[in-house]
């Protein structure tokens, strides 16, 4: 089993692996390159991760966990009218990823792993968990607004949450493919449409 005697060293290896995989791609990346980036010996990596595939999955798991925690913290800190809370959450998600678009190639590698990796079932499970968490966060915001009378109760909160998440994914993909694409501006315009459709009270931008 992978040894986890030193959490700090394990973290350093994961951070180094993340950079190497993002720059080189999973298949071309070599463990010696990760070791050099982490300033450790190649053998040290195998004390923590049994294989390159195991290391790649660990990078994915950590990235998903961090992203989920960040979104949950942002949502918990939201205040003000429902429309403002939704705009803040949307902006936070889009801006966070736009600030690290150089890592988006790694996200594509993770998606590929759900179809081709021997560990594809584990990748799918983590993706499922992440999407369920995000649907719950967004859905809870909508349901809270319904309870407070800010939006009509007949709206299906889970369906709206699912569609919004799909939109954010698609906008970020377009931003990665086309540097001139305005993902933030487009997301704000789309959010206005969604809020009007939900019947939320308008606010100044």
N, C-alpha and C. Protein backbone atom coordinates (compact mmCIF):
# COMPACT_ATOMS: atom_id res chain seq x y z
N UNK A 1 0.84 -1.20 0.00
CA UNK A 1 0.00 0.00 0.00
C UNK A 1 0.87 1.25 0.00
N UNK A 2 0.30 2.35 -0.49
CA UNK A 2 1.01 3.62 -0.49
C UNK A 2 1.21 4.08 0.93
N UNK A 3 2.42 4.54 1.24
CA UNK A 3 2.72 5.01 2.58
C UNK A 3 2.39 6.48 2.69
N UNK A 4 1.79 6.86 3.82
CA UNK A 4 1.37 8.24 4.02
C UNK A 4 1.96 8.79 5.31
N UNK A 5 3.22 8.40 5.60
CA UNK A 5 3.85 8.79 6.86
C UNK A 5 4.03 10.29 6.97
N UNK A 6 4.26 10.95 5.85
CA UNK A 6 4.51 12.39 5.86
C UNK A 6 3.49 13.08 4.96
N UNK A 7 2.39 13.60 5.53
CA UNK A 7 1.35 14.23 4.71
C UNK A 7 1.88 15.40 3.89
N UNK A 8 2.84 16.14 4.43
CA UNK A 8 3.37 17.29 3.69
C UNK A 8 4.12 16.85 2.44
N UNK A 9 4.89 15.78 2.57
CA UNK A 9 5.62 15.29 1.41
C UNK A 9 4.65 14.72 0.37
N UNK A 10 3.63 14.04 0.84
CA UNK A 10 2.62 13.51 -0.08
C UNK A 10 1.96 14.67 -0.83
N UNK A 11 1.64 15.73 -0.11
CA UNK A 11 1.03 16.89 -0.74
C UNK A 11 1.95 17.51 -1.78
N UNK A 12 3.24 17.61 -1.45
CA UNK A 12 4.21 18.17 -2.40
C UNK A 12 4.29 17.33 -3.67
N UNK A 13 4.25 16.02 -3.51
CA UNK A 13 4.30 15.13 -4.67
C UNK A 13 3.05 15.31 -5.53
N UNK A 14 1.90 15.43 -4.89
CA UNK A 14 0.66 15.63 -5.65
C UNK A 14 0.67 16.95 -6.41
N UNK A 15 1.17 18.00 -5.77
CA UNK A 15 1.24 19.30 -6.44
C UNK A 15 2.18 19.24 -7.63
N UNK A 16 3.31 18.59 -7.46
CA UNK A 16 4.27 18.44 -8.55
C UNK A 16 3.68 17.61 -9.68
N UNK A 17 3.01 16.53 -9.33
CA UNK A 17 2.39 15.67 -10.33
C UNK A 17 1.32 16.42 -11.10
N UNK A 18 0.56 17.24 -10.40
CA UNK A 18 -0.48 18.04 -11.06
C UNK A 18 0.13 18.92 -12.14
N UNK A 19 1.24 19.58 -11.81
CA UNK A 19 1.90 20.47 -12.78
C UNK A 19 2.45 19.67 -13.97
N UNK A 20 3.07 18.55 -13.69
CA UNK A 20 3.68 17.75 -14.76
C UNK A 20 2.60 17.16 -15.67
N UNK A 21 1.55 16.60 -15.09
CA UNK A 21 0.47 16.02 -15.89
C UNK A 21 -0.22 17.09 -16.74
N UNK A 22 -0.40 18.29 -16.17
CA UNK A 22 -1.05 19.37 -16.92
C UNK A 22 -0.19 19.83 -18.08
N UNK A 23 1.11 19.86 -17.87
CA UNK A 23 2.03 20.34 -18.90
C UNK A 23 2.29 19.29 -19.98
N UNK A 24 2.49 18.05 -19.56
CA UNK A 24 2.92 17.01 -20.49
C UNK A 24 1.78 16.14 -21.00
N UNK A 25 0.71 16.02 -20.21
CA UNK A 25 -0.30 15.02 -20.48
C UNK A 25 0.02 13.75 -19.72
N UNK A 26 -1.00 12.96 -19.42
CA UNK A 26 -0.78 11.77 -18.59
C UNK A 26 0.16 10.77 -19.25
N UNK A 27 -0.13 10.40 -20.49
CA UNK A 27 0.65 9.33 -21.13
C UNK A 27 2.13 9.67 -21.27
N UNK A 28 2.51 10.88 -21.74
CA UNK A 28 3.94 11.17 -21.91
C UNK A 28 4.67 11.45 -20.60
N UNK A 29 3.95 11.81 -19.56
CA UNK A 29 4.61 12.18 -18.30
C UNK A 29 5.32 10.97 -17.70
N UNK A 30 6.50 11.24 -17.15
CA UNK A 30 7.28 10.17 -16.51
C UNK A 30 7.40 10.44 -15.02
N UNK A 31 7.50 9.36 -14.26
CA UNK A 31 7.58 9.49 -12.81
C UNK A 31 8.85 10.24 -12.39
N UNK A 32 9.93 10.10 -13.15
CA UNK A 32 11.16 10.80 -12.81
C UNK A 32 10.96 12.31 -12.93
N UNK A 33 10.10 12.73 -13.87
CA UNK A 33 9.81 14.16 -14.02
C UNK A 33 9.02 14.67 -12.82
N UNK A 34 8.13 13.85 -12.33
CA UNK A 34 7.38 14.23 -11.13
C UNK A 34 8.32 14.31 -9.93
N UNK A 35 9.22 13.35 -9.83
CA UNK A 35 10.18 13.35 -8.73
C UNK A 35 11.04 14.60 -8.75
N UNK A 36 11.50 14.97 -9.93
CA UNK A 36 12.34 16.17 -10.05
C UNK A 36 11.53 17.42 -9.70
N UNK A 37 10.29 17.48 -10.13
CA UNK A 37 9.45 18.64 -9.83
C UNK A 37 9.15 18.74 -8.34
N UNK A 38 9.10 17.60 -7.66
CA UNK A 38 8.81 17.57 -6.23
C UNK A 38 10.09 17.61 -5.38
N UNK A 39 11.24 17.59 -6.05
CA UNK A 39 12.54 17.60 -5.36
C UNK A 39 12.70 16.40 -4.43
N UNK A 40 12.28 15.22 -4.93
CA UNK A 40 12.46 13.98 -4.18
C UNK A 40 13.03 12.93 -5.13
N UNK A 41 13.47 11.84 -4.57
CA UNK A 41 13.94 10.74 -5.39
C UNK A 41 12.77 9.99 -6.00
N UNK A 42 13.01 9.35 -7.13
CA UNK A 42 11.94 8.61 -7.79
C UNK A 42 11.36 7.54 -6.87
N UNK A 43 12.25 6.90 -6.11
CA UNK A 43 11.80 5.85 -5.20
C UNK A 43 10.86 6.36 -4.13
N UNK A 44 11.03 7.61 -3.76
CA UNK A 44 10.17 8.19 -2.72
C UNK A 44 8.72 8.24 -3.18
N UNK A 45 8.51 8.53 -4.46
CA UNK A 45 7.15 8.59 -4.97
C UNK A 45 6.46 7.25 -4.80
N UNK A 46 7.20 6.16 -5.06
CA UNK A 46 6.60 4.84 -4.95
C UNK A 46 6.35 4.43 -3.51
N UNK A 47 6.91 5.16 -2.56
CA UNK A 47 6.58 4.92 -1.15
C UNK A 47 5.17 5.43 -0.83
N UNK A 48 4.69 6.34 -1.66
CA UNK A 48 3.38 6.94 -1.43
C UNK A 48 2.34 6.49 -2.46
N UNK A 49 2.78 6.17 -3.66
CA UNK A 49 1.86 5.79 -4.74
C UNK A 49 2.45 4.60 -5.49
N UNK A 50 1.64 3.58 -5.66
CA UNK A 50 2.14 2.32 -6.22
C UNK A 50 2.49 2.41 -7.70
N UNK A 51 1.86 3.36 -8.42
CA UNK A 51 2.05 3.43 -9.86
C UNK A 51 1.71 4.84 -10.34
N UNK A 52 2.03 5.11 -11.60
CA UNK A 52 1.66 6.41 -12.18
C UNK A 52 0.15 6.56 -12.21
N UNK A 53 -0.55 5.48 -12.52
CA UNK A 53 -2.01 5.53 -12.54
C UNK A 53 -2.58 5.88 -11.16
N UNK A 54 -2.00 5.29 -10.13
CA UNK A 54 -2.45 5.58 -8.77
C UNK A 54 -2.18 7.05 -8.41
N UNK A 55 -1.05 7.55 -8.83
CA UNK A 55 -0.71 8.95 -8.59
C UNK A 55 -1.67 9.86 -9.35
N UNK A 56 -1.98 9.52 -10.58
CA UNK A 56 -2.88 10.34 -11.39
C UNK A 56 -4.26 10.40 -10.74
N UNK A 57 -4.74 9.26 -10.27
CA UNK A 57 -6.04 9.24 -9.61
C UNK A 57 -6.02 10.07 -8.34
N UNK A 58 -4.92 10.01 -7.60
CA UNK A 58 -4.81 10.79 -6.36
C UNK A 58 -4.83 12.29 -6.65
N UNK A 59 -4.19 12.70 -7.75
CA UNK A 59 -4.23 14.11 -8.16
C UNK A 59 -5.67 14.51 -8.47
N UNK A 60 -6.37 13.67 -9.20
CA UNK A 60 -7.77 13.93 -9.54
C UNK A 60 -8.64 14.04 -8.29
N UNK A 61 -8.48 13.10 -7.39
CA UNK A 61 -9.29 13.07 -6.18
C UNK A 61 -9.06 14.33 -5.34
N UNK A 62 -7.80 14.74 -5.24
CA UNK A 62 -7.50 15.94 -4.45
C UNK A 62 -8.06 17.19 -5.13
N UNK A 63 -7.89 17.31 -6.44
CA UNK A 63 -8.41 18.48 -7.15
C UNK A 63 -9.93 18.58 -7.01
N UNK A 64 -10.62 17.47 -7.14
CA UNK A 64 -12.08 17.48 -7.01
C UNK A 64 -12.49 17.85 -5.59
N UNK A 65 -11.76 17.32 -4.61
CA UNK A 65 -12.08 17.63 -3.23
C UNK A 65 -11.88 19.10 -2.92
N UNK A 66 -10.78 19.66 -3.40
CA UNK A 66 -10.52 21.08 -3.16
C UNK A 66 -11.55 21.96 -3.85
N UNK A 67 -11.92 21.61 -5.07
CA UNK A 67 -12.92 22.39 -5.80
C UNK A 67 -14.26 22.36 -5.08
N UNK A 68 -14.64 21.19 -4.60
CA UNK A 68 -15.91 21.06 -3.89
C UNK A 68 -15.92 21.86 -2.60
N UNK A 69 -14.81 21.82 -1.87
CA UNK A 69 -14.72 22.57 -0.62
C UNK A 69 -14.80 24.07 -0.88
N UNK A 70 -14.11 24.52 -1.92
CA UNK A 70 -14.11 25.96 -2.23
C UNK A 70 -15.50 26.45 -2.59
N UNK A 71 -16.23 25.67 -3.39
CA UNK A 71 -17.58 26.07 -3.78
C UNK A 71 -18.51 26.06 -2.58
N UNK A 72 -18.39 25.04 -1.73
CA UNK A 72 -19.23 24.95 -0.54
C UNK A 72 -18.98 26.14 0.39
N UNK A 73 -17.71 26.54 0.56
CA UNK A 73 -17.38 27.68 1.41
C UNK A 73 -17.93 28.97 0.82
N UNK A 74 -17.82 29.12 -0.50
CA UNK A 74 -18.36 30.31 -1.15
C UNK A 74 -19.87 30.39 -0.95
N UNK A 75 -20.56 29.27 -1.16
CA UNK A 75 -22.01 29.25 -1.02
C UNK A 75 -22.44 29.56 0.41
N UNK A 76 -21.69 29.04 1.39
CA UNK A 76 -22.04 29.26 2.79
C UNK A 76 -21.89 30.72 3.20
N UNK A 77 -21.00 31.44 2.51
CA UNK A 77 -20.73 32.84 2.86
C UNK A 77 -21.63 33.82 2.11
N UNK A 78 -22.47 33.34 1.21
CA UNK A 78 -23.32 34.23 0.42
C UNK A 78 -24.38 34.90 1.27
N UNK A 79 -24.66 36.16 0.97
CA UNK A 79 -25.76 36.85 1.63
C UNK A 79 -26.42 37.80 0.65
N UNK A 80 -27.47 38.45 1.10
CA UNK A 80 -28.19 39.37 0.23
C UNK A 80 -29.34 38.68 -0.48
N UNK A 81 -29.99 39.38 -1.41
CA UNK A 81 -31.11 38.80 -2.16
C UNK A 81 -30.68 37.58 -2.97
N UNK A 82 -31.63 36.72 -3.27
CA UNK A 82 -31.36 35.49 -4.00
C UNK A 82 -30.63 35.75 -5.31
N UNK A 83 -31.08 36.72 -6.09
CA UNK A 83 -30.44 37.00 -7.38
C UNK A 83 -28.98 37.36 -7.20
N UNK A 84 -28.68 38.11 -6.17
CA UNK A 84 -27.29 38.49 -5.91
C UNK A 84 -26.46 37.29 -5.49
N UNK A 85 -27.04 36.42 -4.67
CA UNK A 85 -26.32 35.21 -4.23
C UNK A 85 -25.99 34.32 -5.42
N UNK A 86 -26.95 34.15 -6.31
CA UNK A 86 -26.71 33.31 -7.48
C UNK A 86 -25.66 33.91 -8.40
N UNK A 87 -25.70 35.21 -8.58
CA UNK A 87 -24.69 35.85 -9.43
C UNK A 87 -23.29 35.71 -8.83
N UNK A 88 -23.21 35.88 -7.52
CA UNK A 88 -21.91 35.75 -6.85
C UNK A 88 -21.36 34.34 -6.98
N UNK A 89 -22.23 33.35 -6.80
CA UNK A 89 -21.78 31.97 -6.91
C UNK A 89 -21.31 31.66 -8.33
N UNK A 90 -22.10 32.08 -9.32
CA UNK A 90 -21.73 31.84 -10.71
C UNK A 90 -20.41 32.52 -11.05
N UNK A 91 -20.27 33.78 -10.66
CA UNK A 91 -19.02 34.50 -10.93
C UNK A 91 -17.83 33.81 -10.27
N UNK A 92 -18.02 33.35 -9.04
CA UNK A 92 -16.93 32.70 -8.32
C UNK A 92 -16.45 31.44 -9.02
N UNK A 93 -17.40 30.63 -9.48
CA UNK A 93 -17.05 29.39 -10.16
C UNK A 93 -16.32 29.67 -11.47
N UNK A 94 -16.87 30.57 -12.28
CA UNK A 94 -16.25 30.88 -13.56
C UNK A 94 -14.88 31.53 -13.38
N UNK A 95 -14.78 32.52 -12.50
CA UNK A 95 -13.52 33.23 -12.30
C UNK A 95 -12.44 32.32 -11.72
N UNK A 96 -12.84 31.42 -10.85
CA UNK A 96 -11.87 30.49 -10.27
C UNK A 96 -11.19 29.65 -11.35
N UNK A 97 -11.99 29.12 -12.28
CA UNK A 97 -11.42 28.29 -13.34
C UNK A 97 -10.71 29.12 -14.40
N UNK A 98 -11.21 30.32 -14.68
CA UNK A 98 -10.52 31.17 -15.65
C UNK A 98 -9.13 31.54 -15.15
N UNK A 99 -8.97 31.58 -13.84
CA UNK A 99 -7.67 31.89 -13.27
C UNK A 99 -6.68 30.75 -13.37
N UNK A 100 -7.15 29.58 -13.76
CA UNK A 100 -6.24 28.43 -13.89
C UNK A 100 -6.57 27.61 -15.14
N UNK A 101 -6.81 28.32 -16.23
CA UNK A 101 -7.15 27.63 -17.48
C UNK A 101 -6.02 26.75 -17.99
N UNK A 102 -4.80 27.07 -17.56
CA UNK A 102 -3.67 26.22 -17.96
C UNK A 102 -3.79 24.81 -17.38
N UNK A 103 -4.66 24.65 -16.37
CA UNK A 103 -4.87 23.34 -15.78
C UNK A 103 -6.03 22.60 -16.44
N UNK A 104 -6.75 23.28 -17.35
CA UNK A 104 -7.96 22.67 -17.89
C UNK A 104 -7.65 21.46 -18.77
N UNK A 105 -6.47 21.44 -19.36
CA UNK A 105 -6.08 20.26 -20.13
C UNK A 105 -6.08 19.02 -19.24
N UNK A 106 -5.73 19.24 -17.98
CA UNK A 106 -5.74 18.12 -17.04
C UNK A 106 -7.16 17.64 -16.78
N UNK A 107 -8.10 18.57 -16.74
CA UNK A 107 -9.50 18.19 -16.59
C UNK A 107 -9.94 17.29 -17.75
N UNK A 108 -9.50 17.63 -18.95
CA UNK A 108 -9.83 16.79 -20.10
C UNK A 108 -9.22 15.40 -19.96
N UNK A 109 -8.03 15.33 -19.38
CA UNK A 109 -7.39 14.04 -19.13
C UNK A 109 -8.24 13.22 -18.15
N UNK A 110 -8.77 13.90 -17.15
CA UNK A 110 -9.61 13.20 -16.18
C UNK A 110 -10.88 12.66 -16.84
N UNK A 111 -11.50 13.49 -17.70
CA UNK A 111 -12.68 13.02 -18.41
C UNK A 111 -12.34 11.79 -19.27
N UNK A 112 -11.20 11.85 -19.94
CA UNK A 112 -10.78 10.72 -20.77
C UNK A 112 -10.62 9.46 -19.93
N UNK A 113 -10.12 9.64 -18.70
CA UNK A 113 -9.88 8.49 -17.83
C UNK A 113 -11.16 7.77 -17.46
N UNK A 114 -12.30 8.48 -17.49
CA UNK A 114 -13.57 7.81 -17.16
C UNK A 114 -13.97 6.81 -18.23
N UNK A 115 -13.33 6.91 -19.42
CA UNK A 115 -13.67 6.00 -20.51
C UNK A 115 -12.57 4.99 -20.79
N UNK A 116 -11.32 5.37 -20.54
CA UNK A 116 -10.20 4.53 -20.98
C UNK A 116 -9.34 3.97 -19.87
N UNK A 117 -9.37 4.56 -18.69
CA UNK A 117 -8.49 4.11 -17.62
C UNK A 117 -8.95 2.79 -17.02
N UNK A 118 -8.03 1.93 -16.60
CA UNK A 118 -8.43 0.73 -15.85
C UNK A 118 -9.18 1.10 -14.57
N UNK A 119 -8.96 2.33 -14.09
CA UNK A 119 -9.64 2.81 -12.88
C UNK A 119 -10.87 3.66 -13.22
N UNK A 120 -11.43 3.47 -14.42
CA UNK A 120 -12.50 4.36 -14.87
C UNK A 120 -13.70 4.38 -13.92
N UNK A 121 -14.00 3.27 -13.27
CA UNK A 121 -15.13 3.26 -12.35
C UNK A 121 -14.86 4.17 -11.15
N UNK A 122 -13.62 4.20 -10.69
CA UNK A 122 -13.28 5.08 -9.57
C UNK A 122 -13.34 6.54 -10.00
N UNK A 123 -12.90 6.84 -11.21
CA UNK A 123 -13.00 8.21 -11.73
C UNK A 123 -14.46 8.63 -11.83
N UNK A 124 -15.30 7.74 -12.35
CA UNK A 124 -16.72 8.05 -12.49
C UNK A 124 -17.36 8.31 -11.13
N UNK A 125 -16.99 7.52 -10.14
CA UNK A 125 -17.57 7.68 -8.80
C UNK A 125 -17.25 9.04 -8.22
N UNK A 126 -16.00 9.50 -8.39
CA UNK A 126 -15.62 10.81 -7.87
C UNK A 126 -16.33 11.92 -8.63
N UNK A 127 -16.41 11.79 -9.95
CA UNK A 127 -17.16 12.78 -10.74
C UNK A 127 -18.62 12.84 -10.28
N UNK A 128 -19.24 11.68 -10.12
CA UNK A 128 -20.63 11.63 -9.68
C UNK A 128 -20.81 12.34 -8.34
N UNK A 129 -19.92 12.06 -7.42
CA UNK A 129 -19.99 12.68 -6.10
C UNK A 129 -19.85 14.19 -6.19
N UNK A 130 -18.91 14.65 -7.03
CA UNK A 130 -18.70 16.09 -7.19
C UNK A 130 -19.90 16.79 -7.78
N UNK A 131 -20.50 16.18 -8.80
CA UNK A 131 -21.67 16.79 -9.43
C UNK A 131 -22.88 16.77 -8.48
N UNK A 132 -23.02 15.70 -7.73
CA UNK A 132 -24.13 15.64 -6.78
C UNK A 132 -23.99 16.73 -5.72
N UNK A 133 -22.75 16.93 -5.24
CA UNK A 133 -22.52 17.98 -4.25
C UNK A 133 -22.87 19.35 -4.82
N UNK A 134 -22.44 19.61 -6.06
CA UNK A 134 -22.70 20.91 -6.67
C UNK A 134 -24.20 21.11 -6.94
N UNK A 135 -24.87 20.05 -7.40
CA UNK A 135 -26.32 20.15 -7.61
C UNK A 135 -27.02 20.45 -6.29
N UNK A 136 -26.54 19.83 -5.22
CA UNK A 136 -27.15 20.07 -3.91
C UNK A 136 -26.94 21.51 -3.45
N UNK A 137 -25.74 22.03 -3.65
CA UNK A 137 -25.44 23.40 -3.23
C UNK A 137 -26.34 24.40 -3.98
N UNK A 138 -26.39 24.27 -5.29
CA UNK A 138 -27.20 25.19 -6.09
C UNK A 138 -28.68 24.97 -5.83
N UNK A 139 -29.09 23.72 -5.76
CA UNK A 139 -30.48 23.42 -5.50
C UNK A 139 -30.94 23.94 -4.15
N UNK A 140 -30.07 23.85 -3.14
CA UNK A 140 -30.43 24.36 -1.81
C UNK A 140 -30.62 25.88 -1.83
N UNK A 141 -29.80 26.58 -2.62
CA UNK A 141 -29.97 28.03 -2.74
C UNK A 141 -31.34 28.38 -3.34
N UNK A 142 -31.72 27.63 -4.35
CA UNK A 142 -33.00 27.88 -5.01
C UNK A 142 -34.15 27.53 -4.06
N UNK A 143 -34.04 26.40 -3.39
CA UNK A 143 -35.11 25.98 -2.47
C UNK A 143 -35.25 26.96 -1.31
N UNK A 144 -34.12 27.48 -0.81
CA UNK A 144 -34.18 28.46 0.27
C UNK A 144 -34.90 29.72 -0.20
N UNK A 145 -34.66 30.11 -1.45
CA UNK A 145 -35.34 31.28 -2.01
C UNK A 145 -36.82 31.01 -2.18
N UNK A 146 -37.17 29.77 -2.52
CA UNK A 146 -38.59 29.41 -2.63
C UNK A 146 -39.27 29.48 -1.27
N UNK A 147 -38.61 28.97 -0.26
CA UNK A 147 -39.17 28.99 1.09
C UNK A 147 -39.36 30.42 1.57
N UNK A 148 -38.41 31.29 1.19
CA UNK A 148 -38.48 32.69 1.61
C UNK A 148 -39.42 33.52 0.75
N UNK A 149 -39.97 32.90 -0.29
CA UNK A 149 -40.88 33.62 -1.17
C UNK A 149 -40.19 34.51 -2.18
N UNK A 150 -38.88 34.30 -2.39
CA UNK A 150 -38.16 35.12 -3.37
C UNK A 150 -38.38 34.65 -4.79
N UNK A 151 -38.67 33.37 -4.95
CA UNK A 151 -39.00 32.82 -6.28
C UNK A 151 -40.18 31.87 -6.12
N UNK A 152 -40.98 31.70 -7.16
CA UNK A 152 -42.15 30.81 -7.08
C UNK A 152 -41.75 29.38 -6.75
N UNK A 153 -42.61 28.70 -6.00
CA UNK A 153 -42.32 27.35 -5.55
C UNK A 153 -42.43 26.30 -6.65
N UNK A 154 -43.10 26.65 -7.77
CA UNK A 154 -43.32 25.62 -8.80
C UNK A 154 -42.06 25.31 -9.61
N UNK A 155 -41.01 26.12 -9.48
CA UNK A 155 -39.78 25.83 -10.20
C UNK A 155 -39.12 24.57 -9.63
N UNK A 156 -38.62 23.73 -10.53
CA UNK A 156 -37.92 22.51 -10.12
C UNK A 156 -36.47 22.85 -9.83
N UNK A 157 -36.14 22.98 -8.54
CA UNK A 157 -34.81 23.45 -8.14
C UNK A 157 -33.69 22.54 -8.64
N UNK A 158 -33.91 21.23 -8.56
CA UNK A 158 -32.85 20.30 -8.98
C UNK A 158 -32.60 20.38 -10.48
N UNK A 159 -33.65 20.51 -11.26
CA UNK A 159 -33.48 20.61 -12.72
C UNK A 159 -32.74 21.89 -13.09
N UNK A 160 -33.11 23.00 -12.45
CA UNK A 160 -32.43 24.27 -12.73
C UNK A 160 -30.95 24.17 -12.33
N UNK A 161 -30.68 23.57 -11.19
CA UNK A 161 -29.30 23.41 -10.73
C UNK A 161 -28.49 22.57 -11.72
N UNK A 162 -29.07 21.48 -12.19
CA UNK A 162 -28.37 20.60 -13.14
C UNK A 162 -28.06 21.34 -14.44
N UNK A 163 -29.02 22.13 -14.93
CA UNK A 163 -28.81 22.86 -16.18
C UNK A 163 -27.74 23.95 -16.01
N UNK A 164 -27.75 24.61 -14.87
CA UNK A 164 -26.73 25.64 -14.62
C UNK A 164 -25.33 25.04 -14.59
N UNK A 165 -25.20 23.90 -13.94
CA UNK A 165 -23.89 23.26 -13.85
C UNK A 165 -23.40 22.84 -15.23
N UNK A 166 -24.31 22.31 -16.04
CA UNK A 166 -23.95 21.96 -17.41
C UNK A 166 -23.51 23.18 -18.21
N UNK A 167 -24.16 24.30 -17.97
CA UNK A 167 -23.79 25.54 -18.66
C UNK A 167 -22.40 26.00 -18.24
N UNK A 168 -22.12 25.99 -16.94
CA UNK A 168 -20.79 26.39 -16.47
C UNK A 168 -19.70 25.51 -17.08
N UNK A 169 -19.94 24.21 -17.12
CA UNK A 169 -18.97 23.30 -17.75
C UNK A 169 -18.72 23.68 -19.20
N UNK A 170 -19.79 23.91 -19.94
CA UNK A 170 -19.67 24.21 -21.37
C UNK A 170 -18.98 25.54 -21.60
N UNK A 171 -19.27 26.54 -20.79
CA UNK A 171 -18.63 27.85 -20.94
C UNK A 171 -17.13 27.76 -20.69
N UNK A 172 -16.75 27.00 -19.68
CA UNK A 172 -15.32 26.87 -19.37
C UNK A 172 -14.59 26.11 -20.47
N UNK A 173 -15.24 25.11 -21.03
CA UNK A 173 -14.63 24.38 -22.14
C UNK A 173 -14.40 25.32 -23.32
N UNK A 174 -15.39 26.16 -23.63
CA UNK A 174 -15.23 27.11 -24.74
C UNK A 174 -14.11 28.11 -24.45
N UNK A 175 -14.01 28.54 -23.20
CA UNK A 175 -12.95 29.49 -22.84
C UNK A 175 -11.58 28.85 -23.00
N UNK A 176 -11.48 27.57 -22.69
CA UNK A 176 -10.20 26.87 -22.84
C UNK A 176 -9.85 26.71 -24.32
N UNK A 177 -10.84 26.42 -25.13
CA UNK A 177 -10.60 26.21 -26.56
C UNK A 177 -10.38 27.53 -27.31
N UNK A 178 -11.01 28.60 -26.86
CA UNK A 178 -10.98 29.88 -27.56
C UNK A 178 -10.64 31.00 -26.58
N UNK A 179 -9.39 31.47 -26.56
CA UNK A 179 -8.98 32.51 -25.61
C UNK A 179 -9.77 33.81 -25.74
N UNK A 180 -10.40 34.02 -26.89
CA UNK A 180 -11.16 35.25 -27.09
C UNK A 180 -12.62 35.15 -26.61
N UNK A 181 -13.02 33.96 -26.21
CA UNK A 181 -14.39 33.77 -25.75
C UNK A 181 -14.57 34.37 -24.36
N UNK A 182 -15.61 35.16 -24.18
CA UNK A 182 -15.88 35.83 -22.90
C UNK A 182 -16.80 34.96 -22.05
N UNK A 183 -16.20 34.04 -21.32
CA UNK A 183 -16.99 33.11 -20.50
C UNK A 183 -17.70 33.82 -19.36
N UNK A 184 -17.02 34.78 -18.73
CA UNK A 184 -17.62 35.48 -17.60
C UNK A 184 -18.81 36.34 -18.05
N UNK A 185 -18.60 37.12 -19.11
CA UNK A 185 -19.68 37.95 -19.62
C UNK A 185 -20.87 37.13 -20.07
N UNK A 186 -20.59 36.01 -20.74
CA UNK A 186 -21.66 35.15 -21.22
C UNK A 186 -22.41 34.52 -20.05
N UNK A 187 -21.67 34.09 -19.03
CA UNK A 187 -22.33 33.48 -17.86
C UNK A 187 -23.22 34.49 -17.15
N UNK A 188 -22.79 35.74 -17.10
CA UNK A 188 -23.61 36.77 -16.44
C UNK A 188 -24.89 37.03 -17.23
N UNK A 189 -24.78 37.08 -18.54
CA UNK A 189 -25.97 37.28 -19.36
C UNK A 189 -26.93 36.12 -19.22
N UNK A 190 -26.37 34.91 -19.22
CA UNK A 190 -27.21 33.73 -19.08
C UNK A 190 -27.87 33.68 -17.71
N UNK A 191 -27.13 34.07 -16.67
CA UNK A 191 -27.70 34.07 -15.33
C UNK A 191 -28.88 35.03 -15.24
N UNK A 192 -28.80 36.16 -15.94
CA UNK A 192 -29.93 37.09 -15.97
C UNK A 192 -31.17 36.41 -16.56
N UNK A 193 -30.96 35.64 -17.62
CA UNK A 193 -32.07 34.92 -18.25
C UNK A 193 -32.67 33.91 -17.27
N UNK A 194 -31.78 33.17 -16.60
CA UNK A 194 -32.24 32.16 -15.63
C UNK A 194 -33.03 32.80 -14.50
N UNK A 195 -32.51 33.90 -13.97
CA UNK A 195 -33.18 34.58 -12.85
C UNK A 195 -34.55 35.10 -13.25
N UNK A 196 -34.64 35.64 -14.48
CA UNK A 196 -35.94 36.10 -14.96
C UNK A 196 -36.89 34.93 -15.10
N UNK A 197 -36.37 33.81 -15.60
CA UNK A 197 -37.20 32.62 -15.75
C UNK A 197 -37.68 32.07 -14.42
N UNK A 198 -36.85 32.20 -13.39
CA UNK A 198 -37.23 31.75 -12.06
C UNK A 198 -38.20 32.71 -11.38
N UNK A 199 -38.31 33.91 -11.94
CA UNK A 199 -39.19 34.90 -11.32
C UNK A 199 -38.57 35.62 -10.15
N UNK A 200 -37.22 35.63 -10.10
CA UNK A 200 -36.53 36.29 -9.01
C UNK A 200 -36.64 37.80 -9.16
N UNK A 201 -36.72 38.48 -8.04
CA UNK A 201 -36.81 39.95 -8.06
C UNK A 201 -35.53 40.52 -8.65
N UNK A 202 -35.61 41.45 -9.60
CA UNK A 202 -34.40 42.03 -10.21
C UNK A 202 -33.65 42.88 -9.23
N UNK A 203 -32.33 42.95 -9.40
CA UNK A 203 -31.48 43.83 -8.59
C UNK A 203 -30.50 44.51 -9.51
N UNK A 204 -29.89 45.58 -9.04
CA UNK A 204 -28.84 46.22 -9.83
C UNK A 204 -27.64 45.33 -9.89
N UNK A 205 -26.96 45.28 -11.08
CA UNK A 205 -25.79 44.42 -11.25
C UNK A 205 -24.64 44.92 -10.40
